[in-house]
Amino acid sequence: QIGDLIAVSGNIGDAALALRILQKQLSFQVNDKFLDNYYLPNPQLNLIDGLASYANSGMDISDGLLADLQHILDSSDKSAVIELDKIPLSATTRAILAKYPAEINNILNGGDDYKLLFTANAANMAKLQQKHAIYVIGKIEAASSDKIKIFDADHNLVKFTIAGFEHF
């Protein structure tokens, strides 16, 4: 719905960066716990029941944050505004970004996070935030030619591509 807030249920990008490290596409010293984000994802099943009563849409982030958000927007004929600095990132992912700023594209597009992506009106989102650690990252808007707009902390428009996993 227009005006809904967009939220995620945890850190984004850890699994994608772990895979890039494992594939030797990225050189960064990490511990086994960080690599477990790829090997042993932790879907937040405890949140699913609560979402059914409050959310207007939702799905898991398996194909990448932007690709999965695009699925929601396409099915509802809406657009979204995302605040880049609101996307939750682990300390390790922040450290990787400090060394490799271009990895933001892999964080936004990498899959296998298995966090939940959902929308809800502000009142329902507040109720969910009282019970669960969730992170509001943006807002749903009326359909426009730019399905997703991302702004940085200084409100500058961020250029990006959507390159999440495609099944076909």
Protein backbone atom coordinates (compact mmCIF):
# COMPACT_ATOMS: atom_id res chain seq x y z
CA GLN A 1 0.00 0.00 0.00
CA ILE A 2 1.18 3.55 -0.68
CA GLY A 3 2.68 4.93 2.52
CA ASP A 4 3.65 1.52 3.90
CA LEU A 5 7.04 1.33 5.53
CA ILE A 6 9.53 -1.19 4.17
CA ALA A 7 11.45 -3.26 6.70
CA VAL A 8 13.92 -6.11 6.95
CA SER A 9 14.45 -8.50 9.82
CA GLY A 10 18.23 -8.43 10.04
CA ASN A 11 21.62 -7.71 8.51
CA ILE A 12 21.80 -7.63 4.74
CA GLY A 13 24.73 -8.72 2.57
CA ASP A 14 26.69 -10.97 4.93
CA ALA A 15 25.99 -14.14 2.93
CA ALA A 16 26.85 -12.51 -0.40
CA LEU A 17 30.16 -11.17 0.91
CA ALA A 18 30.97 -14.48 2.59
CA LEU A 19 30.46 -16.24 -0.74
CA ARG A 20 32.69 -13.74 -2.52
CA ILE A 21 35.40 -14.37 0.10
CA LEU A 22 35.00 -18.14 -0.22
CA GLN A 23 35.24 -17.88 -4.01
CA LYS A 24 38.39 -15.74 -3.61
CA GLN A 25 36.73 -12.81 -5.41
CA LEU A 26 37.28 -10.66 -2.35
CA SER A 27 40.27 -10.65 0.01
CA PHE A 28 39.30 -9.95 3.59
CA GLN A 29 40.09 -11.77 6.83
CA VAL A 30 36.87 -12.99 8.48
CA ASN A 31 36.04 -15.57 11.14
CA ASP A 32 34.07 -18.78 10.68
CA LYS A 33 30.99 -17.19 12.24
CA PHE A 34 30.84 -14.67 9.39
CA LEU A 35 31.20 -17.47 6.82
CA ASP A 36 28.31 -19.27 8.54
CA ASN A 37 26.04 -16.52 7.19
CA TYR A 38 26.47 -18.28 3.86
CA TYR A 39 26.85 -21.90 5.01
CA LEU A 40 24.19 -21.89 7.75
CA PRO A 41 21.57 -19.19 7.12
CA ASN A 42 19.28 -18.41 10.03
CA PRO A 43 15.78 -17.71 8.69
CA GLN A 44 13.66 -15.83 11.21
CA LEU A 45 10.77 -18.26 11.41
CA ASN A 46 9.70 -16.80 14.77
CA LEU A 47 8.69 -13.59 13.01
CA ILE A 48 6.49 -15.14 10.33
CA ASP A 49 3.40 -15.64 12.50
CA GLY A 50 3.51 -12.04 13.74
CA LEU A 51 3.84 -10.70 10.21
CA ALA A 52 0.69 -12.44 9.05
CA SER A 53 -1.42 -10.14 11.24
CA TYR A 54 0.41 -6.89 10.50
CA ALA A 55 2.18 -6.90 7.12
CA ASN A 56 0.64 -6.01 3.77
CA SER A 57 3.33 -7.87 1.83
CA GLY A 58 6.45 -9.87 2.50
CA MET A 59 8.95 -12.45 1.38
CA ASP A 60 12.34 -13.79 2.29
CA ILE A 61 15.48 -12.24 0.85
CA SER A 62 16.91 -15.15 -1.06
CA ASP A 63 17.55 -13.53 -4.45
CA GLY A 64 18.95 -10.23 -3.17
CA LEU A 65 17.35 -7.26 -1.41
CA LEU A 66 16.72 -5.23 -4.57
CA ALA A 67 15.53 -8.15 -6.69
CA ASP A 68 13.12 -9.33 -4.01
CA LEU A 69 11.84 -5.81 -3.37
CA GLN A 70 11.34 -5.51 -7.13
CA HIS A 71 9.13 -8.65 -6.99
CA ILE A 72 6.91 -7.01 -4.35
CA LEU A 73 6.74 -3.75 -6.30
CA ASP A 74 5.93 -5.49 -9.58
CA SER A 75 3.12 -7.51 -8.04
CA SER A 76 1.58 -4.45 -6.38
CA ASP A 77 2.31 -1.88 -9.13
CA LYS A 78 4.10 0.44 -6.68
CA SER A 79 7.51 2.08 -6.28
CA ALA A 80 9.84 2.40 -3.31
CA VAL A 81 12.26 4.83 -1.72
CA ILE A 82 15.11 3.23 0.24
CA GLU A 83 17.44 4.99 2.67
CA LEU A 84 20.81 3.33 2.21
CA ASP A 85 22.06 4.23 5.69
CA LYS A 86 19.03 2.50 7.27
CA ILE A 87 19.87 -0.92 5.80
CA PRO A 88 21.27 -2.97 8.69
CA LEU A 89 24.84 -4.16 8.14
CA SER A 90 27.03 -6.24 10.41
CA ALA A 91 30.29 -4.82 11.74
CA THR A 92 32.23 -7.12 9.39
CA THR A 93 30.23 -6.00 6.36
CA ARG A 94 30.83 -2.36 7.34
CA ALA A 95 34.57 -3.08 7.58
CA ILE A 96 34.55 -4.73 4.15
CA LEU A 97 32.69 -1.72 2.73
CA ALA A 98 35.27 0.63 4.23
CA LYS A 99 37.97 -1.20 2.28
CA TYR A 100 35.87 -2.00 -0.82
CA PRO A 101 33.13 0.65 -1.26
CA ALA A 102 32.00 -0.86 -4.57
CA GLU A 103 30.83 -3.96 -2.67
CA ILE A 104 27.62 -2.07 -1.85
CA ASN A 105 26.30 -3.40 -5.15
CA ASN A 106 26.91 -6.98 -4.01
CA ILE A 107 25.31 -6.25 -0.65
CA LEU A 108 22.18 -4.89 -2.32
CA ASN A 109 22.01 -7.65 -4.93
CA GLY A 110 23.53 -10.70 -3.27
CA GLY A 111 21.20 -13.47 -2.23
CA ASP A 112 21.07 -16.07 0.50
CA ASP A 113 20.41 -13.69 3.40
CA TYR A 114 17.06 -15.34 4.17
CA LYS A 115 16.03 -12.34 6.21
CA LEU A 116 12.45 -11.20 5.83
CA LEU A 117 11.49 -8.22 3.69
CA PHE A 118 8.02 -6.84 4.34
CA THR A 119 5.78 -3.79 4.27
CA ALA A 120 3.27 -2.54 6.81
CA ASN A 121 1.55 0.70 7.70
CA ALA A 122 3.25 2.84 10.37
CA ALA A 123 0.94 1.75 13.21
CA ASN A 124 1.44 -1.95 12.50
CA MET A 125 5.18 -1.47 12.01
CA ALA A 126 5.37 0.14 15.47
CA LYS A 127 3.58 -2.88 16.96
CA LEU A 128 6.02 -5.23 15.26
CA GLN A 129 9.00 -3.19 16.47
CA GLN A 130 7.81 -3.62 20.06
CA LYS A 131 8.09 -7.40 19.71
CA HIS A 132 10.92 -7.96 17.22
CA ALA A 133 14.23 -6.50 16.08
CA ILE A 134 13.25 -5.14 12.69
CA TYR A 135 14.71 -2.33 10.64
CA VAL A 136 12.70 0.17 8.61
CA ILE A 137 14.66 0.94 5.44
CA GLY A 138 12.19 2.84 3.28
CA LYS A 139 8.69 3.57 2.14
CA ILE A 140 6.24 2.49 -0.58
CA GLU A 141 5.14 5.13 -3.08
CA ALA A 142 2.84 5.33 -6.08
CA ALA A 143 4.14 3.62 -9.21
CA SER A 144 6.74 5.58 -11.16
CA SER A 145 9.24 4.87 -13.92
CA ASP A 146 11.95 4.43 -11.27
CA LYS A 147 10.59 1.45 -9.35
CA ILE A 148 13.27 1.80 -6.67
CA LYS A 149 15.05 5.00 -5.63
CA ILE A 150 17.91 4.77 -3.15
CA PHE A 151 19.19 7.79 -1.24
CA ASP A 152 22.37 8.05 0.83
CA ALA A 153 22.62 9.72 4.24
CA ASP A 154 23.02 13.14 2.57
CA HIS A 155 19.83 12.56 0.51
CA ASN A 156 21.78 12.12 -2.72
CA LEU A 157 20.32 9.71 -5.23
CA VAL A 158 22.48 6.56 -5.43
CA LYS A 159 23.06 4.89 -8.80
CA PHE A 160 22.66 1.12 -8.73
CA THR A 161 21.73 -1.88 -10.81
CA ILE A 162 19.41 -4.69 -9.91
CA ALA A 163 21.25 -7.92 -10.52
CA GLY A 164 19.81 -10.40 -8.05
CA PHE A 165 19.55 -14.09 -8.75
CA GLU A 166 17.14 -14.96 -11.56
CA HIS A 167 15.57 -18.42 -11.59
CA PHE A 168 14.93 -18.50 -15.35
